[in-house]
Protein backbone atom coordinates (compact mmCIF):
# COMPACT_ATOMS: atom_id res chain seq x y z
CA UNK A 1 0.00 0.00 0.00
CA UNK A 2 2.86 2.38 0.85
CA UNK A 3 4.41 1.67 -2.54
CA UNK A 4 1.24 2.75 -4.32
CA UNK A 5 0.98 5.91 -2.22
CA UNK A 6 4.59 6.86 -2.99
CA UNK A 7 4.06 6.24 -6.70
CA UNK A 8 0.87 8.30 -6.68
CA UNK A 9 2.68 11.10 -4.82
CA UNK A 10 5.43 11.11 -7.45
CA UNK A 11 2.85 11.06 -10.23
CA UNK A 12 1.05 13.99 -8.60
CA UNK A 13 4.36 15.87 -8.30
CA UNK A 14 5.04 15.20 -11.97
CA UNK A 15 1.61 16.46 -12.95
CA UNK A 16 1.76 19.62 -10.85
CA UNK A 17 5.34 20.65 -11.70
CA UNK A 18 5.47 19.82 -15.40
CA UNK A 19 5.15 22.25 -18.26
CA UNK A 20 1.74 22.51 -19.87
CA UNK A 21 1.40 21.70 -23.54
CA UNK A 22 -2.13 21.60 -24.95
CA UNK A 23 -3.71 20.48 -21.69
CA UNK A 24 -1.20 17.81 -20.64
CA UNK A 25 1.84 17.98 -18.36
CA UNK A 26 5.11 17.53 -20.21
CA UNK A 27 8.68 17.08 -18.97
CA UNK A 28 12.08 17.51 -20.56
CA UNK A 29 15.03 15.10 -20.19
CA UNK A 30 16.29 16.83 -17.02
CA UNK A 31 12.90 16.37 -15.35
CA UNK A 32 12.86 12.71 -16.42
CA UNK A 33 16.21 11.98 -14.77
CA UNK A 34 15.04 13.53 -11.49
CA UNK A 35 11.75 11.63 -11.33
CA UNK A 36 13.19 8.34 -12.63
CA UNK A 37 15.75 8.35 -9.81
CA UNK A 38 13.15 9.13 -7.12
CA UNK A 39 10.53 6.69 -8.33
CA UNK A 40 13.04 3.89 -8.86
CA UNK A 41 14.47 4.27 -5.37
CA UNK A 42 11.15 4.29 -3.54
CA UNK A 43 8.20 2.90 -5.42
CA UNK A 44 9.44 -0.28 -7.09
CA UNK A 45 11.86 -1.66 -4.50
CA UNK A 46 9.24 -4.19 -3.35
CA UNK A 47 9.04 -5.80 -6.79
CA UNK A 48 11.57 -8.60 -7.41
CA UNK A 49 11.30 -7.88 -11.14
CA UNK A 50 12.79 -4.45 -10.41
CA UNK A 51 15.49 -5.13 -7.83
CA UNK A 52 16.76 -8.33 -9.52
CA UNK A 53 17.90 -6.41 -12.62
CA UNK A 54 21.13 -5.23 -10.98
CA UNK A 55 22.03 -8.80 -9.94
CA UNK A 56 21.26 -10.16 -13.42
CA UNK A 57 23.39 -7.46 -15.05
CA UNK A 58 26.29 -8.37 -12.76
CA UNK A 59 25.93 -12.06 -13.67
CA UNK A 60 25.88 -11.25 -17.39
CA UNK A 61 28.91 -8.97 -17.18
CA UNK A 62 30.82 -11.49 -15.04
CA UNK A 63 31.42 -13.76 -18.02
CA UNK A 64 29.60 -16.71 -16.49
CA UNK A 65 28.78 -18.16 -19.92
CA UNK A 66 28.47 -21.77 -18.86
CA UNK A 67 25.73 -20.91 -16.36
CA UNK A 68 23.89 -18.86 -18.99
CA UNK A 69 24.01 -21.68 -21.56
CA UNK A 70 22.66 -24.31 -19.17
CA UNK A 71 19.83 -22.07 -18.10
CA UNK A 72 18.27 -22.04 -21.60
CA UNK A 73 17.30 -25.72 -21.69
CA UNK A 74 15.18 -28.00 -19.56
CA UNK A 75 17.52 -29.63 -17.01
CA UNK A 76 17.64 -33.24 -15.85
CA UNK A 77 17.52 -33.31 -12.07
CA UNK A 78 18.93 -36.38 -10.36
CA UNK A 79 19.27 -36.92 -6.61
CA UNK A 80 23.07 -36.57 -6.70
CA UNK A 81 22.91 -33.15 -8.42
CA UNK A 82 20.33 -31.68 -6.04
CA UNK A 83 23.03 -31.09 -3.43
CA UNK A 84 24.92 -28.94 -5.94
CA UNK A 85 21.91 -26.84 -6.92
CA UNK A 86 21.78 -23.30 -5.54
CA UNK A 87 19.19 -22.06 -3.08
CA UNK A 88 17.39 -20.20 -5.88
CA UNK A 89 13.81 -21.37 -6.28
CA UNK A 90 13.98 -21.08 -10.06
CA UNK A 91 16.67 -23.79 -10.36
CA UNK A 92 15.23 -26.16 -7.70
CA UNK A 93 11.68 -26.06 -9.03
CA UNK A 94 10.09 -28.97 -10.90
CA UNK A 95 9.04 -26.22 -13.30
CA UNK A 96 12.40 -24.41 -13.59
CA UNK A 97 12.77 -20.96 -15.09
CA UNK A 98 15.42 -18.39 -15.90
CA UNK A 99 15.34 -14.61 -15.89
CA UNK A 100 16.05 -12.21 -18.72
CA UNK A 101 16.15 -8.44 -18.64
CA UNK A 102 13.31 -6.79 -20.54
CA UNK A 103 14.14 -3.24 -21.65
CA UNK A 104 11.49 -0.70 -22.65
CA UNK A 105 12.79 2.86 -23.12
CA UNK A 106 9.28 4.29 -22.77
CA UNK A 107 8.50 2.61 -19.45
CA UNK A 108 9.53 3.49 -15.92
CA UNK A 109 11.21 1.42 -14.71
CA UNK A 110 12.94 0.83 -18.06
CA UNK A 111 14.44 -2.53 -17.08
CA UNK A 112 12.56 -5.44 -15.48
CA UNK A 113 13.47 -9.07 -14.89
CA UNK A 114 11.10 -11.38 -16.77
CA UNK A 115 10.87 -15.11 -16.02
CA UNK A 116 10.96 -17.67 -18.87
CA UNK A 117 10.05 -21.33 -18.35
CA UNK A 118 12.85 -23.74 -19.29
CA UNK A 119 10.56 -26.72 -19.87
CA UNK A 120 7.25 -27.17 -21.64
CA UNK A 121 6.47 -30.01 -19.24
CA UNK A 122 7.64 -30.41 -15.65
CA UNK A 123 10.38 -32.44 -14.01
CA UNK A 124 9.21 -35.82 -12.70
CA UNK A 125 10.54 -36.05 -9.13
CA UNK A 126 11.10 -39.82 -9.41
CA UNK A 127 13.12 -39.81 -12.63
CA UNK A 128 14.50 -36.28 -12.68
CA UNK A 129 13.46 -35.95 -16.33
CA UNK A 130 10.88 -33.80 -18.06
CA UNK A 131 7.39 -35.25 -18.42
CA UNK A 132 4.52 -33.92 -20.49
CA UNK A 133 1.92 -35.28 -18.03
CA UNK A 134 1.88 -31.74 -16.61
CA UNK A 135 2.70 -28.36 -18.16
CA UNK A 136 4.99 -25.53 -17.08
CA UNK A 137 3.22 -22.18 -17.22
CA UNK A 138 4.21 -18.62 -16.39
CA UNK A 139 3.03 -16.99 -13.15
CA UNK A 140 2.37 -13.27 -13.70
CA UNK A 141 2.35 -10.37 -11.27
CA UNK A 142 0.47 -7.19 -12.10
CA UNK A 143 2.72 -4.16 -11.75
CA UNK A 144 2.00 -0.46 -12.03
CA UNK A 145 4.48 1.35 -14.30
CA UNK A 146 4.65 4.76 -15.92
CA UNK A 147 4.40 4.86 -19.70
CA UNK A 148 6.25 7.74 -21.38
CA UNK A 149 4.39 9.44 -24.26
CA UNK A 150 5.85 12.15 -26.46
CA UNK A 151 4.10 15.52 -26.23
CA UNK A 152 2.98 17.53 -29.24
CA UNK A 153 6.08 19.75 -29.14
CA UNK A 154 8.18 16.61 -29.90
CA UNK A 155 10.74 17.68 -27.24
CA UNK A 156 9.04 16.74 -23.99
CA UNK A 157 7.18 13.77 -22.53
CA UNK A 158 4.09 13.03 -20.46
CA UNK A 159 3.50 9.98 -18.26
CA UNK A 160 0.49 7.69 -18.01
CA UNK A 161 -0.07 5.07 -15.34
CA UNK A 162 -0.24 1.61 -16.88
CA UNK A 163 -0.65 -1.85 -15.38
CA UNK A 164 1.38 -4.62 -16.98
CA UNK A 165 1.66 -8.35 -16.35
CA UNK A 166 5.22 -9.28 -15.45
CA UNK A 167 6.21 -12.97 -15.66
CA UNK A 168 7.82 -13.72 -12.27
CA UNK A 169 8.01 -17.54 -12.05
CA UNK A 170 6.79 -20.83 -13.52
CA UNK A 171 4.59 -23.50 -12.01
CA UNK A 172 3.20 -26.90 -12.99
CA UNK A 173 -0.44 -27.35 -14.00
CA UNK A 174 -2.48 -30.19 -15.42
CA UNK A 175 -2.88 -29.92 -19.21
CA UNK A 176 -6.17 -28.35 -20.29
CA UNK A 177 -7.22 -31.69 -21.81
CA UNK A 178 -7.43 -33.16 -18.29
CA UNK A 179 -10.23 -30.81 -17.18
C-alpha atoms as a PDB file:
ATOM      1  CA  UNK A   1       0.000   0.000   0.000  1.00  0.00           C
ATOM      2  CA  UNK A   2       2.855   2.380   0.849  1.00  0.00           C
ATOM      3  CA  UNK A   3       4.408   1.673  -2.540  1.00  0.00           C
ATOM      4  CA  UNK A   4       1.236   2.750  -4.324  1.00  0.00           C
ATOM      5  CA  UNK A   5       0.983   5.908  -2.215  1.00  0.00           C
ATOM      6  CA  UNK A   6       4.591   6.856  -2.988  1.00  0.00           C
ATOM      7  CA  UNK A   7       4.062   6.239  -6.702  1.00  0.00           C
ATOM      8  CA  UNK A   8       0.871   8.296  -6.684  1.00  0.00           C
ATOM      9  CA  UNK A   9       2.677  11.103  -4.818  1.00  0.00           C
ATOM     10  CA  UNK A  10       5.430  11.109  -7.453  1.00  0.00           C
ATOM     11  CA  UNK A  11       2.855  11.064 -10.230  1.00  0.00           C
ATOM     12  CA  UNK A  12       1.052  13.987  -8.600  1.00  0.00           C
ATOM     13  CA  UNK A  13       4.363  15.872  -8.296  1.00  0.00           C
ATOM     14  CA  UNK A  14       5.040  15.198 -11.967  1.00  0.00           C
ATOM     15  CA  UNK A  15       1.609  16.459 -12.948  1.00  0.00           C
ATOM     16  CA  UNK A  16       1.760  19.621 -10.851  1.00  0.00           C
ATOM     17  CA  UNK A  17       5.336  20.655 -11.703  1.00  0.00           C
ATOM     18  CA  UNK A  18       5.471  19.820 -15.396  1.00  0.00           C
ATOM     19  CA  UNK A  19       5.149  22.252 -18.261  1.00  0.00           C
ATOM     20  CA  UNK A  20       1.740  22.514 -19.866  1.00  0.00           C
ATOM     21  CA  UNK A  21       1.404  21.699 -23.538  1.00  0.00           C
ATOM     22  CA  UNK A  22      -2.129  21.605 -24.955  1.00  0.00           C
ATOM     23  CA  UNK A  23      -3.711  20.481 -21.692  1.00  0.00           C
ATOM     24  CA  UNK A  24      -1.204  17.810 -20.638  1.00  0.00           C
ATOM     25  CA  UNK A  25       1.837  17.983 -18.360  1.00  0.00           C
ATOM     26  CA  UNK A  26       5.112  17.526 -20.206  1.00  0.00           C
ATOM     27  CA  UNK A  27       8.679  17.078 -18.970  1.00  0.00           C
ATOM     28  CA  UNK A  28      12.084  17.506 -20.556  1.00  0.00           C
ATOM     29  CA  UNK A  29      15.025  15.096 -20.188  1.00  0.00           C
ATOM     30  CA  UNK A  30      16.290  16.826 -17.022  1.00  0.00           C
ATOM     31  CA  UNK A  31      12.905  16.369 -15.347  1.00  0.00           C
ATOM     32  CA  UNK A  32      12.856  12.714 -16.424  1.00  0.00           C
ATOM     33  CA  UNK A  33      16.210  11.984 -14.766  1.00  0.00           C
ATOM     34  CA  UNK A  34      15.039  13.534 -11.488  1.00  0.00           C
ATOM     35  CA  UNK A  35      11.752  11.632 -11.333  1.00  0.00           C
ATOM     36  CA  UNK A  36      13.194   8.343 -12.629  1.00  0.00           C
ATOM     37  CA  UNK A  37      15.750   8.348  -9.814  1.00  0.00           C
ATOM     38  CA  UNK A  38      13.153   9.131  -7.125  1.00  0.00           C
ATOM     39  CA  UNK A  39      10.533   6.687  -8.333  1.00  0.00           C
ATOM     40  CA  UNK A  40      13.044   3.891  -8.865  1.00  0.00           C
ATOM     41  CA  UNK A  41      14.466   4.272  -5.374  1.00  0.00           C
ATOM     42  CA  UNK A  42      11.146   4.291  -3.545  1.00  0.00           C
ATOM     43  CA  UNK A  43       8.196   2.897  -5.421  1.00  0.00           C
ATOM     44  CA  UNK A  44       9.435  -0.281  -7.092  1.00  0.00           C
ATOM     45  CA  UNK A  45      11.859  -1.663  -4.498  1.00  0.00           C
ATOM     46  CA  UNK A  46       9.235  -4.193  -3.354  1.00  0.00           C
ATOM     47  CA  UNK A  47       9.039  -5.799  -6.786  1.00  0.00           C
ATOM     48  CA  UNK A  48      11.574  -8.601  -7.411  1.00  0.00           C
ATOM     49  CA  UNK A  49      11.302  -7.879 -11.139  1.00  0.00           C
ATOM     50  CA  UNK A  50      12.788  -4.448 -10.411  1.00  0.00           C
ATOM     51  CA  UNK A  51      15.487  -5.131  -7.833  1.00  0.00           C
ATOM     52  CA  UNK A  52      16.764  -8.329  -9.519  1.00  0.00           C
ATOM     53  CA  UNK A  53      17.900  -6.408 -12.616  1.00  0.00           C
ATOM     54  CA  UNK A  54      21.129  -5.232 -10.979  1.00  0.00           C
ATOM     55  CA  UNK A  55      22.033  -8.804  -9.943  1.00  0.00           C
ATOM     56  CA  UNK A  56      21.260 -10.157 -13.420  1.00  0.00           C
ATOM     57  CA  UNK A  57      23.388  -7.460 -15.052  1.00  0.00           C
ATOM     58  CA  UNK A  58      26.285  -8.371 -12.756  1.00  0.00           C
ATOM     59  CA  UNK A  59      25.928 -12.057 -13.666  1.00  0.00           C
ATOM     60  CA  UNK A  60      25.883 -11.250 -17.385  1.00  0.00           C
ATOM     61  CA  UNK A  61      28.913  -8.974 -17.177  1.00  0.00           C
ATOM     62  CA  UNK A  62      30.817 -11.490 -15.036  1.00  0.00           C
ATOM     63  CA  UNK A  63      31.424 -13.762 -18.024  1.00  0.00           C
ATOM     64  CA  UNK A  64      29.604 -16.712 -16.493  1.00  0.00           C
ATOM     65  CA  UNK A  65      28.775 -18.155 -19.921  1.00  0.00           C
ATOM     66  CA  UNK A  66      28.467 -21.773 -18.859  1.00  0.00           C
ATOM     67  CA  UNK A  67      25.728 -20.912 -16.361  1.00  0.00           C
ATOM     68  CA  UNK A  68      23.892 -18.857 -18.993  1.00  0.00           C
ATOM     69  CA  UNK A  69      24.011 -21.675 -21.559  1.00  0.00           C
ATOM     70  CA  UNK A  70      22.664 -24.312 -19.173  1.00  0.00           C
ATOM     71  CA  UNK A  71      19.830 -22.074 -18.102  1.00  0.00           C
ATOM     72  CA  UNK A  72      18.265 -22.035 -21.605  1.00  0.00           C
ATOM     73  CA  UNK A  73      17.302 -25.719 -21.693  1.00  0.00           C
ATOM     74  CA  UNK A  74      15.180 -28.005 -19.560  1.00  0.00           C
ATOM     75  CA  UNK A  75      17.525 -29.626 -17.008  1.00  0.00           C
ATOM     76  CA  UNK A  76      17.644 -33.236 -15.849  1.00  0.00           C
ATOM     77  CA  UNK A  77      17.515 -33.315 -12.067  1.00  0.00           C
ATOM     78  CA  UNK A  78      18.927 -36.381 -10.360  1.00  0.00           C
ATOM     79  CA  UNK A  79      19.270 -36.918  -6.611  1.00  0.00           C
ATOM     80  CA  UNK A  80      23.067 -36.575  -6.697  1.00  0.00           C
ATOM     81  CA  UNK A  81      22.905 -33.154  -8.416  1.00  0.00           C
ATOM     82  CA  UNK A  82      20.329 -31.681  -6.041  1.00  0.00           C
ATOM     83  CA  UNK A  83      23.035 -31.089  -3.428  1.00  0.00           C
ATOM     84  CA  UNK A  84      24.921 -28.941  -5.936  1.00  0.00           C
ATOM     85  CA  UNK A  85      21.915 -26.845  -6.917  1.00  0.00           C
ATOM     86  CA  UNK A  86      21.782 -23.304  -5.535  1.00  0.00           C
ATOM     87  CA  UNK A  87      19.193 -22.061  -3.081  1.00  0.00           C
ATOM     88  CA  UNK A  88      17.392 -20.203  -5.882  1.00  0.00           C
ATOM     89  CA  UNK A  89      13.805 -21.373  -6.285  1.00  0.00           C
ATOM     90  CA  UNK A  90      13.981 -21.083 -10.056  1.00  0.00           C
ATOM     91  CA  UNK A  91      16.674 -23.787 -10.359  1.00  0.00           C
ATOM     92  CA  UNK A  92      15.234 -26.162  -7.702  1.00  0.00           C
ATOM     93  CA  UNK A  93      11.680 -26.056  -9.028  1.00  0.00           C
ATOM     94  CA  UNK A  94      10.088 -28.969 -10.899  1.00  0.00           C
ATOM     95  CA  UNK A  95       9.035 -26.218 -13.296  1.00  0.00           C
ATOM     96  CA  UNK A  96      12.400 -24.409 -13.590  1.00  0.00           C
ATOM     97  CA  UNK A  97      12.769 -20.958 -15.085  1.00  0.00           C
ATOM     98  CA  UNK A  98      15.423 -18.392 -15.900  1.00  0.00           C
ATOM     99  CA  UNK A  99      15.339 -14.610 -15.887  1.00  0.00           C
ATOM    100  CA  UNK A 100      16.052 -12.215 -18.721  1.00  0.00           C
ATOM    101  CA  UNK A 101      16.154  -8.444 -18.642  1.00  0.00           C
ATOM    102  CA  UNK A 102      13.308  -6.793 -20.540  1.00  0.00           C
ATOM    103  CA  UNK A 103      14.142  -3.235 -21.651  1.00  0.00           C
ATOM    104  CA  UNK A 104      11.494  -0.698 -22.652  1.00  0.00           C
ATOM    105  CA  UNK A 105      12.793   2.858 -23.117  1.00  0.00           C
ATOM    106  CA  UNK A 106       9.280   4.294 -22.770  1.00  0.00           C
ATOM    107  CA  UNK A 107       8.503   2.608 -19.450  1.00  0.00           C
ATOM    108  CA  UNK A 108       9.527   3.492 -15.921  1.00  0.00           C
ATOM    109  CA  UNK A 109      11.214   1.416 -14.712  1.00  0.00           C
ATOM    110  CA  UNK A 110      12.941   0.834 -18.064  1.00  0.00           C
ATOM    111  CA  UNK A 111      14.437  -2.530 -17.076  1.00  0.00           C
ATOM    112  CA  UNK A 112      12.559  -5.435 -15.480  1.00  0.00           C
ATOM    113  CA  UNK A 113      13.475  -9.074 -14.892  1.00  0.00           C
ATOM    114  CA  UNK A 114      11.095 -11.384 -16.775  1.00  0.00           C
ATOM    115  CA  UNK A 115      10.866 -15.111 -16.024  1.00  0.00           C
ATOM    116  CA  UNK A 116      10.956 -17.667 -18.870  1.00  0.00           C
ATOM    117  CA  UNK A 117      10.049 -21.330 -18.354  1.00  0.00           C
ATOM    118  CA  UNK A 118      12.851 -23.739 -19.294  1.00  0.00           C
ATOM    119  CA  UNK A 119      10.560 -26.721 -19.874  1.00  0.00           C
ATOM    120  CA  UNK A 120       7.249 -27.173 -21.642  1.00  0.00           C
ATOM    121  CA  UNK A 121       6.470 -30.010 -19.239  1.00  0.00           C
ATOM    122  CA  UNK A 122       7.636 -30.408 -15.648  1.00  0.00           C
ATOM    123  CA  UNK A 123      10.376 -32.439 -14.006  1.00  0.00           C
ATOM    124  CA  UNK A 124       9.212 -35.825 -12.702  1.00  0.00           C
ATOM    125  CA  UNK A 125      10.537 -36.050  -9.129  1.00  0.00           C
ATOM    126  CA  UNK A 126      11.102 -39.824  -9.414  1.00  0.00           C
ATOM    127  CA  UNK A 127      13.118 -39.814 -12.634  1.00  0.00           C
ATOM    128  CA  UNK A 128      14.500 -36.276 -12.677  1.00  0.00           C
ATOM    129  CA  UNK A 129      13.459 -35.945 -16.331  1.00  0.00           C
ATOM    130  CA  UNK A 130      10.878 -33.804 -18.057  1.00  0.00           C
ATOM    131  CA  UNK A 131       7.391 -35.252 -18.416  1.00  0.00           C
ATOM    132  CA  UNK A 132       4.516 -33.916 -20.490  1.00  0.00           C
ATOM    133  CA  UNK A 133       1.921 -35.285 -18.032  1.00  0.00           C
ATOM    134  CA  UNK A 134       1.878 -31.742 -16.606  1.00  0.00           C
ATOM    135  CA  UNK A 135       2.705 -28.360 -18.161  1.00  0.00           C
ATOM    136  CA  UNK A 136       4.992 -25.530 -17.085  1.00  0.00           C
ATOM    137  CA  UNK A 137       3.218 -22.185 -17.220  1.00  0.00           C
ATOM    138  CA  UNK A 138       4.207 -18.624 -16.386  1.00  0.00           C
ATOM    139  CA  UNK A 139       3.030 -16.985 -13.150  1.00  0.00           C
ATOM    140  CA  UNK A 140       2.368 -13.270 -13.702  1.00  0.00           C
ATOM    141  CA  UNK A 141       2.352 -10.368 -11.271  1.00  0.00           C
ATOM    142  CA  UNK A 142       0.467  -7.193 -12.104  1.00  0.00           C
ATOM    143  CA  UNK A 143       2.715  -4.162 -11.753  1.00  0.00           C
ATOM    144  CA  UNK A 144       1.999  -0.465 -12.033  1.00  0.00           C
ATOM    145  CA  UNK A 145       4.476   1.355 -14.297  1.00  0.00           C
ATOM    146  CA  UNK A 146       4.650   4.758 -15.917  1.00  0.00           C
ATOM    147  CA  UNK A 147       4.403   4.863 -19.703  1.00  0.00           C
ATOM    148  CA  UNK A 148       6.252   7.739 -21.375  1.00  0.00           C
ATOM    149  CA  UNK A 149       4.394   9.437 -24.256  1.00  0.00           C
ATOM    150  CA  UNK A 150       5.850  12.147 -26.456  1.00  0.00           C
ATOM    151  CA  UNK A 151       4.097  15.517 -26.235  1.00  0.00           C
ATOM    152  CA  UNK A 152       2.975  17.528 -29.239  1.00  0.00           C
ATOM    153  CA  UNK A 153       6.083  19.747 -29.139  1.00  0.00           C
ATOM    154  CA  UNK A 154       8.183  16.605 -29.901  1.00  0.00           C
ATOM    155  CA  UNK A 155      10.742  17.682 -27.242  1.00  0.00           C
ATOM    156  CA  UNK A 156       9.037  16.741 -23.986  1.00  0.00           C
ATOM    157  CA  UNK A 157       7.175  13.773 -22.529  1.00  0.00           C
ATOM    158  CA  UNK A 158       4.086  13.027 -20.462  1.00  0.00           C
ATOM    159  CA  UNK A 159       3.497   9.975 -18.261  1.00  0.00           C
ATOM    160  CA  UNK A 160       0.492   7.693 -18.006  1.00  0.00           C
ATOM    161  CA  UNK A 161      -0.066   5.066 -15.341  1.00  0.00           C
ATOM    162  CA  UNK A 162      -0.240   1.611 -16.876  1.00  0.00           C
ATOM    163  CA  UNK A 163      -0.647  -1.853 -15.384  1.00  0.00           C
ATOM    164  CA  UNK A 164       1.381  -4.622 -16.980  1.00  0.00           C
ATOM    165  CA  UNK A 165       1.658  -8.349 -16.351  1.00  0.00           C
ATOM    166  CA  UNK A 166       5.215  -9.280 -15.447  1.00  0.00           C
ATOM    167  CA  UNK A 167       6.213 -12.968 -15.656  1.00  0.00           C
ATOM    168  CA  UNK A 168       7.819 -13.723 -12.270  1.00  0.00           C
ATOM    169  CA  UNK A 169       8.008 -17.541 -12.055  1.00  0.00           C
ATOM    170  CA  UNK A 170       6.792 -20.831 -13.523  1.00  0.00           C
ATOM    171  CA  UNK A 171       4.590 -23.500 -12.009  1.00  0.00           C
ATOM    172  CA  UNK A 172       3.201 -26.898 -12.987  1.00  0.00           C
ATOM    173  CA  UNK A 173      -0.435 -27.348 -14.001  1.00  0.00           C
ATOM    174  CA  UNK A 174      -2.482 -30.186 -15.420  1.00  0.00           C
ATOM    175  CA  UNK A 175      -2.877 -29.920 -19.206  1.00  0.00           C
ATOM    176  CA  UNK A 176      -6.165 -28.346 -20.291  1.00  0.00           C
ATOM    177  CA  UNK A 177      -7.222 -31.686 -21.813  1.00  0.00           C
ATOM    178  CA  UNK A 178      -7.430 -33.164 -18.285  1.00  0.00           C
ATOM    179  CA  UNK A 179     -10.226 -30.809 -17.185  1.00  0.00           C
END
